[in-house]
Amino acid sequence: MDKTVRKVRNQDSNPCIEESDASQKCLGAYNYDSRMCSAYFQRYKSCRKYWHNATEEKRRCATRHAHCCREARDARCYRRQTILRVSKTQLASINLLMDVYVDLCCSFGLPVWIASLLQAARRLKSDRARRKKAYRLLQRKLMFHRVGVKEGDLFQPTYVYPEEVKMLMRSVFSQDICDYPDPCHDQVVYLTLEDLHKVDIN
């Protein structure tokens, strides 16, 4: 391994390797859509800021007492800080749950960016509210990208989603499921899997 690469991968000289790798993994999963990985970027920035301050403190105290630098030299002390107010165990469970959502999207033939919508809806208390929130976020994203909206149209479309989307929602949020008939009026837009995959998330 090259000396420079070895230095970058050394946690003593670069204590934010874990945050950097997590950010790169997230970007790869979402086709380098930075908006989907803002939490990972914030963790990395917080890590870099912490270690910058620790280094400055080390320089200031170098001329005073050696024991005041001990904590700044310890590469493990960052792990004990609650920078994002979220414990490492909670972050691991969130990442694991996100991986499950991505796998489910792939199994239903859906684009992986829908997984982030499921993750955002997960914060609500009931499955019924979570499904409603996930559909609302999906509608908002599709309208932002003008899916099913012709040039010059001012109305807000009512989307009817493919069966794969409905199955995904019900498999993730499986409690209190209600069957509603699909709407039928002039503003209904029937979506296909191809329409979802065409959404540009870059």
C-alpha atoms as a PDB file:
ATOM      1  CA  MET A   1       0.000   0.000   0.000  1.00  0.00           C
ATOM      2  CA  ASP A   2       1.249   3.467  -0.864  1.00  0.00           C
ATOM      3  CA  LYS A   3       2.639   5.469   2.055  1.00  0.00           C
ATOM      4  CA  THR A   4       0.214   8.351   1.483  1.00  0.00           C
ATOM      5  CA  VAL A   5      -2.784   6.007   1.281  1.00  0.00           C
ATOM      6  CA  ARG A   6      -1.572   4.193   4.385  1.00  0.00           C
ATOM      7  CA  LYS A   7      -1.412   7.505   6.251  1.00  0.00           C
ATOM      8  CA  VAL A   8      -4.932   8.484   5.163  1.00  0.00           C
ATOM      9  CA  ARG A   9      -6.268   5.079   6.269  1.00  0.00           C
ATOM     10  CA  ASN A  10      -4.492   5.329   9.628  1.00  0.00           C
ATOM     11  CA  GLN A  11      -7.025   6.290  12.294  1.00  0.00           C
ATOM     12  CA  ASP A  12      -4.370   7.964  14.439  1.00  0.00           C
ATOM     13  CA  SER A  13      -3.569  10.465  11.686  1.00  0.00           C
ATOM     14  CA  ASN A  14      -7.103  10.560  10.228  1.00  0.00           C
ATOM     15  CA  PRO A  15      -9.644   9.787  12.983  1.00  0.00           C
ATOM     16  CA  CYS A  16     -12.641  10.461  10.700  1.00  0.00           C
ATOM     17  CA  ILE A  17     -12.153   7.424   8.431  1.00  0.00           C
ATOM     18  CA  GLU A  18     -15.409   5.804   9.536  1.00  0.00           C
ATOM     19  CA  GLU A  19     -17.453   8.940   8.775  1.00  0.00           C
ATOM     20  CA  SER A  20     -15.692   9.407   5.432  1.00  0.00           C
ATOM     21  CA  ASP A  21     -16.330   5.798   4.380  1.00  0.00           C
ATOM     22  CA  ALA A  22     -19.992   6.032   5.416  1.00  0.00           C
ATOM     23  CA  SER A  23     -20.436   9.174   3.306  1.00  0.00           C
ATOM     24  CA  GLN A  24     -18.847   7.528   0.266  1.00  0.00           C
ATOM     25  CA  LYS A  25     -21.004   4.419   0.704  1.00  0.00           C
ATOM     26  CA  CYS A  26     -24.153   6.535   0.888  1.00  0.00           C
ATOM     27  CA  LEU A  27     -23.191   8.489  -2.245  1.00  0.00           C
ATOM     28  CA  GLY A  28     -22.591   5.241  -4.110  1.00  0.00           C
ATOM     29  CA  ALA A  29     -25.982   3.882  -3.041  1.00  0.00           C
ATOM     30  CA  TYR A  30     -27.844   6.998  -4.197  1.00  0.00           C
ATOM     31  CA  ASN A  31     -25.990   7.652  -7.442  1.00  0.00           C
ATOM     32  CA  TYR A  32     -24.061  10.557  -5.874  1.00  0.00           C
ATOM     33  CA  ASP A  33     -27.181  12.509  -4.884  1.00  0.00           C
ATOM     34  CA  SER A  34     -25.741  14.613  -2.064  1.00  0.00           C
ATOM     35  CA  ARG A  35     -29.194  15.545  -0.757  1.00  0.00           C
ATOM     36  CA  MET A  36     -29.789  11.948   0.318  1.00  0.00           C
ATOM     37  CA  CYS A  37     -26.606  11.840   2.415  1.00  0.00           C
ATOM     38  CA  SER A  38     -26.758  15.109   4.363  1.00  0.00           C
ATOM     39  CA  ALA A  39     -26.746  13.315   7.732  1.00  0.00           C
ATOM     40  CA  TYR A  40     -23.529  11.464   6.837  1.00  0.00           C
ATOM     41  CA  PHE A  41     -21.910  14.705   5.661  1.00  0.00           C
ATOM     42  CA  GLN A  42     -22.876  16.395   8.934  1.00  0.00           C
ATOM     43  CA  ARG A  43     -21.274  13.585  10.926  1.00  0.00           C
ATOM     44  CA  TYR A  44     -18.068  13.950   8.914  1.00  0.00           C
ATOM     45  CA  LYS A  45     -18.015  17.760   9.307  1.00  0.00           C
ATOM     46  CA  SER A  46     -18.627  17.443  13.052  1.00  0.00           C
ATOM     47  CA  CYS A  47     -15.796  14.943  13.311  1.00  0.00           C
ATOM     48  CA  ARG A  48     -13.376  17.172  11.400  1.00  0.00           C
ATOM     49  CA  LYS A  49     -14.390  20.194  13.473  1.00  0.00           C
ATOM     50  CA  TYR A  50     -13.889  18.290  16.711  1.00  0.00           C
ATOM     51  CA  TRP A  51     -10.426  17.102  15.726  1.00  0.00           C
ATOM     52  CA  HIS A  52      -9.415  20.517  14.449  1.00  0.00           C
ATOM     53  CA  ASN A  53     -10.310  21.996  17.834  1.00  0.00           C
ATOM     54  CA  ALA A  54      -8.540  19.134  19.621  1.00  0.00           C
ATOM     55  CA  THR A  55      -5.378  19.748  17.590  1.00  0.00           C
ATOM     56  CA  GLU A  56      -5.467  23.458  18.371  1.00  0.00           C
ATOM     57  CA  GLU A  57      -5.911  22.676  22.048  1.00  0.00           C
ATOM     58  CA  LYS A  58      -2.977  20.290  21.884  1.00  0.00           C
ATOM     59  CA  ARG A  59      -0.766  23.030  20.450  1.00  0.00           C
ATOM     60  CA  ARG A  60      -1.877  25.525  23.076  1.00  0.00           C
ATOM     61  CA  CYS A  61      -1.271  23.230  25.983  1.00  0.00           C
ATOM     62  CA  ALA A  62       2.004  21.812  24.693  1.00  0.00           C
ATOM     63  CA  THR A  63       3.852  24.613  26.421  1.00  0.00           C
ATOM     64  CA  ARG A  64       1.942  24.126  29.670  1.00  0.00           C
ATOM     65  CA  HIS A  65       1.224  20.722  31.181  1.00  0.00           C
ATOM     66  CA  ALA A  66       1.618  17.431  29.340  1.00  0.00           C
ATOM     67  CA  HIS A  67      -1.423  15.860  30.987  1.00  0.00           C
ATOM     68  CA  CYS A  68      -3.792  18.440  29.445  1.00  0.00           C
ATOM     69  CA  CYS A  69      -2.923  17.032  26.005  1.00  0.00           C
ATOM     70  CA  ARG A  70      -3.589  13.417  26.880  1.00  0.00           C
ATOM     71  CA  GLU A  71      -7.262  13.498  25.894  1.00  0.00           C
ATOM     72  CA  ALA A  72      -6.505  15.392  22.681  1.00  0.00           C
ATOM     73  CA  ARG A  73      -4.013  12.697  21.631  1.00  0.00           C
ATOM     74  CA  ASP A  74      -6.436   9.859  22.284  1.00  0.00           C
ATOM     75  CA  ALA A  75      -7.993   8.844  18.954  1.00  0.00           C
ATOM     76  CA  ARG A  76     -10.819   7.121  20.781  1.00  0.00           C
ATOM     77  CA  CYS A  77     -12.077  10.182  22.648  1.00  0.00           C
ATOM     78  CA  TYR A  78     -14.100  11.332  19.633  1.00  0.00           C
ATOM     79  CA  ARG A  79     -16.133   8.135  19.880  1.00  0.00           C
ATOM     80  CA  ARG A  80     -17.183   9.142  23.392  1.00  0.00           C
ATOM     81  CA  GLN A  81     -18.543  12.527  22.309  1.00  0.00           C
ATOM     82  CA  THR A  82     -22.244  12.950  21.544  1.00  0.00           C
ATOM     83  CA  ILE A  83     -21.710  15.325  18.635  1.00  0.00           C
ATOM     84  CA  LEU A  84     -24.965  14.534  16.854  1.00  0.00           C
ATOM     85  CA  ARG A  85     -26.873  13.627  20.025  1.00  0.00           C
ATOM     86  CA  VAL A  86     -27.223  10.140  18.627  1.00  0.00           C
ATOM     87  CA  SER A  87     -25.372   7.184  20.069  1.00  0.00           C
ATOM     88  CA  LYS A  88     -23.250   4.898  17.941  1.00  0.00           C
ATOM     89  CA  THR A  89     -25.682   2.045  18.567  1.00  0.00           C
ATOM     90  CA  GLN A  90     -28.585   4.115  17.293  1.00  0.00           C
ATOM     91  CA  LEU A  91     -26.658   5.123  14.184  1.00  0.00           C
ATOM     92  CA  ALA A  92     -25.823   1.492  13.480  1.00  0.00           C
ATOM     93  CA  SER A  93     -29.489   0.497  13.768  1.00  0.00           C
ATOM     94  CA  ILE A  94     -30.520   3.383  11.485  1.00  0.00           C
ATOM     95  CA  ASN A  95     -27.959   2.335   8.874  1.00  0.00           C
ATOM     96  CA  LEU A  96     -29.099  -1.287   9.131  1.00  0.00           C
ATOM     97  CA  LEU A  97     -32.739  -0.278   8.690  1.00  0.00           C
ATOM     98  CA  MET A  98     -31.816   1.844   5.676  1.00  0.00           C
ATOM     99  CA  ASP A  99     -30.065  -1.161   4.119  1.00  0.00           C
ATOM    100  CA  VAL A 100     -33.262  -3.188   4.625  1.00  0.00           C
ATOM    101  CA  TYR A 101     -35.317  -0.508   2.863  1.00  0.00           C
ATOM    102  CA  VAL A 102     -32.869  -0.422  -0.045  1.00  0.00           C
ATOM    103  CA  ASP A 103     -33.040  -4.220  -0.374  1.00  0.00           C
ATOM    104  CA  LEU A 104     -36.850  -4.117  -0.339  1.00  0.00           C
ATOM    105  CA  CYS A 105     -36.911  -1.467  -3.060  1.00  0.00           C
ATOM    106  CA  CYS A 106     -34.629  -3.601  -5.203  1.00  0.00           C
ATOM    107  CA  SER A 107     -36.731  -6.715  -4.605  1.00  0.00           C
ATOM    108  CA  PHE A 108     -39.845  -4.899  -5.858  1.00  0.00           C
ATOM    109  CA  GLY A 109     -37.975  -3.442  -8.833  1.00  0.00           C
ATOM    110  CA  LEU A 110     -38.255   0.109  -7.497  1.00  0.00           C
ATOM    111  CA  PRO A 111     -35.573   2.833  -7.485  1.00  0.00           C
ATOM    112  CA  VAL A 112     -33.508   2.962  -4.301  1.00  0.00           C
ATOM    113  CA  TRP A 113     -34.209   6.655  -3.645  1.00  0.00           C
ATOM    114  CA  ILE A 114     -37.634   5.609  -2.330  1.00  0.00           C
ATOM    115  CA  ALA A 115     -35.818   4.036   0.653  1.00  0.00           C
ATOM    116  CA  SER A 116     -34.942   7.483   1.991  1.00  0.00           C
ATOM    117  CA  LEU A 117     -38.635   8.428   1.943  1.00  0.00           C
ATOM    118  CA  LEU A 118     -39.468   5.348   3.998  1.00  0.00           C
ATOM    119  CA  GLN A 119     -36.711   6.246   6.443  1.00  0.00           C
ATOM    120  CA  ALA A 120     -38.089   9.776   6.825  1.00  0.00           C
ATOM    121  CA  ALA A 121     -41.638   8.483   7.392  1.00  0.00           C
ATOM    122  CA  ARG A 122     -40.397   5.999  10.001  1.00  0.00           C
ATOM    123  CA  ARG A 123     -40.226   8.772  12.625  1.00  0.00           C
ATOM    124  CA  LEU A 124     -44.009   8.925  12.994  1.00  0.00           C
ATOM    125  CA  LYS A 125     -45.791   6.863  15.621  1.00  0.00           C
ATOM    126  CA  SER A 126     -48.301   4.719  13.699  1.00  0.00           C
ATOM    127  CA  ASP A 127     -47.973   2.716  10.496  1.00  0.00           C
ATOM    128  CA  ARG A 128     -51.005   4.449   9.040  1.00  0.00           C
ATOM    129  CA  ALA A 129     -49.402   7.862   9.589  1.00  0.00           C
ATOM    130  CA  ARG A 130     -46.103   6.550   8.216  1.00  0.00           C
ATOM    131  CA  ARG A 131     -47.744   5.314   5.007  1.00  0.00           C
ATOM    132  CA  LYS A 132     -49.510   8.645   4.576  1.00  0.00           C
ATOM    133  CA  LYS A 133     -46.253  10.534   5.124  1.00  0.00           C
ATOM    134  CA  ALA A 134     -44.330   8.309   2.693  1.00  0.00           C
ATOM    135  CA  TYR A 135     -46.950   8.793  -0.026  1.00  0.00           C
ATOM    136  CA  ARG A 136     -46.931  12.546   0.583  1.00  0.00           C
ATOM    137  CA  LEU A 137     -43.138  12.692   0.276  1.00  0.00           C
ATOM    138  CA  LEU A 138     -43.298  10.586  -2.878  1.00  0.00           C
ATOM    139  CA  GLN A 139     -45.922  12.866  -4.396  1.00  0.00           C
ATOM    140  CA  ARG A 140     -43.874  15.939  -3.510  1.00  0.00           C
ATOM    141  CA  LYS A 141     -40.761  14.508  -5.158  1.00  0.00           C
ATOM    142  CA  LEU A 142     -42.634  13.515  -8.310  1.00  0.00           C
ATOM    143  CA  MET A 143     -44.256  16.939  -8.581  1.00  0.00           C
ATOM    144  CA  PHE A 144     -40.873  18.611  -8.080  1.00  0.00           C
ATOM    145  CA  HIS A 145     -39.597  16.687 -11.091  1.00  0.00           C
ATOM    146  CA  ARG A 146     -42.802  17.430 -13.036  1.00  0.00           C
ATOM    147  CA  VAL A 147     -43.666  13.760 -13.513  1.00  0.00           C
ATOM    148  CA  GLY A 148     -46.998  13.443 -15.310  1.00  0.00           C
ATOM    149  CA  VAL A 149     -47.364  17.224 -15.550  1.00  0.00           C
ATOM    150  CA  LYS A 150     -47.451  18.731 -19.007  1.00  0.00           C
ATOM    151  CA  GLU A 151     -45.923  22.075 -19.827  1.00  0.00           C
ATOM    152  CA  GLY A 152     -48.311  24.872 -18.916  1.00  0.00           C
ATOM    153  CA  ASP A 153     -50.544  22.733 -16.661  1.00  0.00           C
ATOM    154  CA  LEU A 154     -51.335  24.453 -13.374  1.00  0.00           C
ATOM    155  CA  PHE A 155     -53.317  21.721 -11.655  1.00  0.00           C
ATOM    156  CA  GLN A 156     -51.885  19.421  -9.004  1.00  0.00           C
ATOM    157  CA  PRO A 157     -52.034  15.833 -10.272  1.00  0.00           C
ATOM    158  CA  THR A 158     -53.402  12.917  -8.278  1.00  0.00           C
ATOM    159  CA  TYR A 159     -51.006  10.029  -8.694  1.00  0.00           C
ATOM    160  CA  VAL A 160     -52.058   6.399  -8.872  1.00  0.00           C
ATOM    161  CA  TYR A 161     -48.978   4.349  -8.065  1.00  0.00           C
ATOM    162  CA  PRO A 162     -47.964   0.956  -9.459  1.00  0.00           C
ATOM    163  CA  GLU A 163     -48.858  -2.125  -7.453  1.00  0.00           C
ATOM    164  CA  GLU A 164     -45.168  -2.553  -6.555  1.00  0.00           C
ATOM    165  CA  VAL A 165     -45.215   0.748  -4.658  1.00  0.00           C
ATOM    166  CA  LYS A 166     -48.374  -0.216  -2.773  1.00  0.00           C
ATOM    167  CA  MET A 167     -46.896  -3.620  -1.896  1.00  0.00           C
ATOM    168  CA  LEU A 168     -43.698  -1.968  -0.660  1.00  0.00           C
ATOM    169  CA  MET A 169     -45.596   0.463   1.577  1.00  0.00           C
ATOM    170  CA  ARG A 170     -47.709  -2.325   3.037  1.00  0.00           C
ATOM    171  CA  SER A 171     -44.751  -4.598   3.648  1.00  0.00           C
ATOM    172  CA  VAL A 172     -42.776  -1.896   5.459  1.00  0.00           C
ATOM    173  CA  PHE A 173     -45.715  -0.370   7.386  1.00  0.00           C
ATOM    174  CA  SER A 174     -48.003  -3.350   7.765  1.00  0.00           C
ATOM    175  CA  GLN A 175     -50.354  -2.272  10.571  1.00  0.00           C
ATOM    176  CA  ASP A 176     -53.850  -0.777  10.130  1.00  0.00           C
ATOM    177  CA  ILE A 177     -54.017  -1.323   6.364  1.00  0.00           C
ATOM    178  CA  CYS A 178     -57.106   0.101   4.653  1.00  0.00           C
ATOM    179  CA  ASP A 179     -58.129  -0.606   1.063  1.00  0.00           C
ATOM    180  CA  TYR A 180     -59.216   2.466  -0.854  1.00  0.00           C
ATOM    181  CA  PRO A 181     -60.368   2.467  -4.484  1.00  0.00           C
ATOM    182  CA  ASP A 182     -58.155   4.290  -6.961  1.00  0.00           C
ATOM    183  CA  PRO A 183     -59.470   7.776  -7.774  1.00  0.00           C
ATOM    184  CA  CYS A 184     -60.965   8.392 -11.174  1.00  0.00           C
ATOM    185  CA  HIS A 185     -61.156  11.974 -12.452  1.00  0.00           C
ATOM    186  CA  ASP A 186     -59.515  14.275 -14.986  1.00  0.00           C
ATOM    187  CA  GLN A 187     -56.449  15.040 -12.861  1.00  0.00           C
ATOM    188  CA  VAL A 188     -55.437  11.421 -12.211  1.00  0.00           C
ATOM    189  CA  VAL A 189     -51.994  10.394 -13.471  1.00  0.00           C
ATOM    190  CA  TYR A 190     -51.307   6.645 -13.636  1.00  0.00           C
ATOM    191  CA  LEU A 191     -47.625   6.007 -12.970  1.00  0.00           C
ATOM    192  CA  THR A 192     -45.491   3.086 -14.122  1.00  0.00           C
ATOM    193  CA  LEU A 193     -42.210   1.687 -12.856  1.00  0.00           C
ATOM    194  CA  GLU A 194     -40.495   3.355 -15.806  1.00  0.00           C
ATOM    195  CA  ASP A 195     -41.791   6.753 -14.664  1.00  0.00           C
ATOM    196  CA  LEU A 196     -40.249   6.229 -11.217  1.00  0.00           C
ATOM    197  CA  HIS A 197     -36.914   5.096 -12.622  1.00  0.00           C
ATOM    198  CA  LYS A 198     -36.780   8.137 -14.904  1.00  0.00           C
ATOM    199  CA  VAL A 199     -36.789  10.530 -11.950  1.00  0.00           C
ATOM    200  CA  ASP A 200     -33.418  12.267 -11.957  1.00  0.00           C
ATOM    201  CA  ILE A 201     -32.178  12.423  -8.367  1.00  0.00           C
ATOM    202  CA  ASN A 202     -28.889  14.136  -9.247  1.00  0.00           C
END
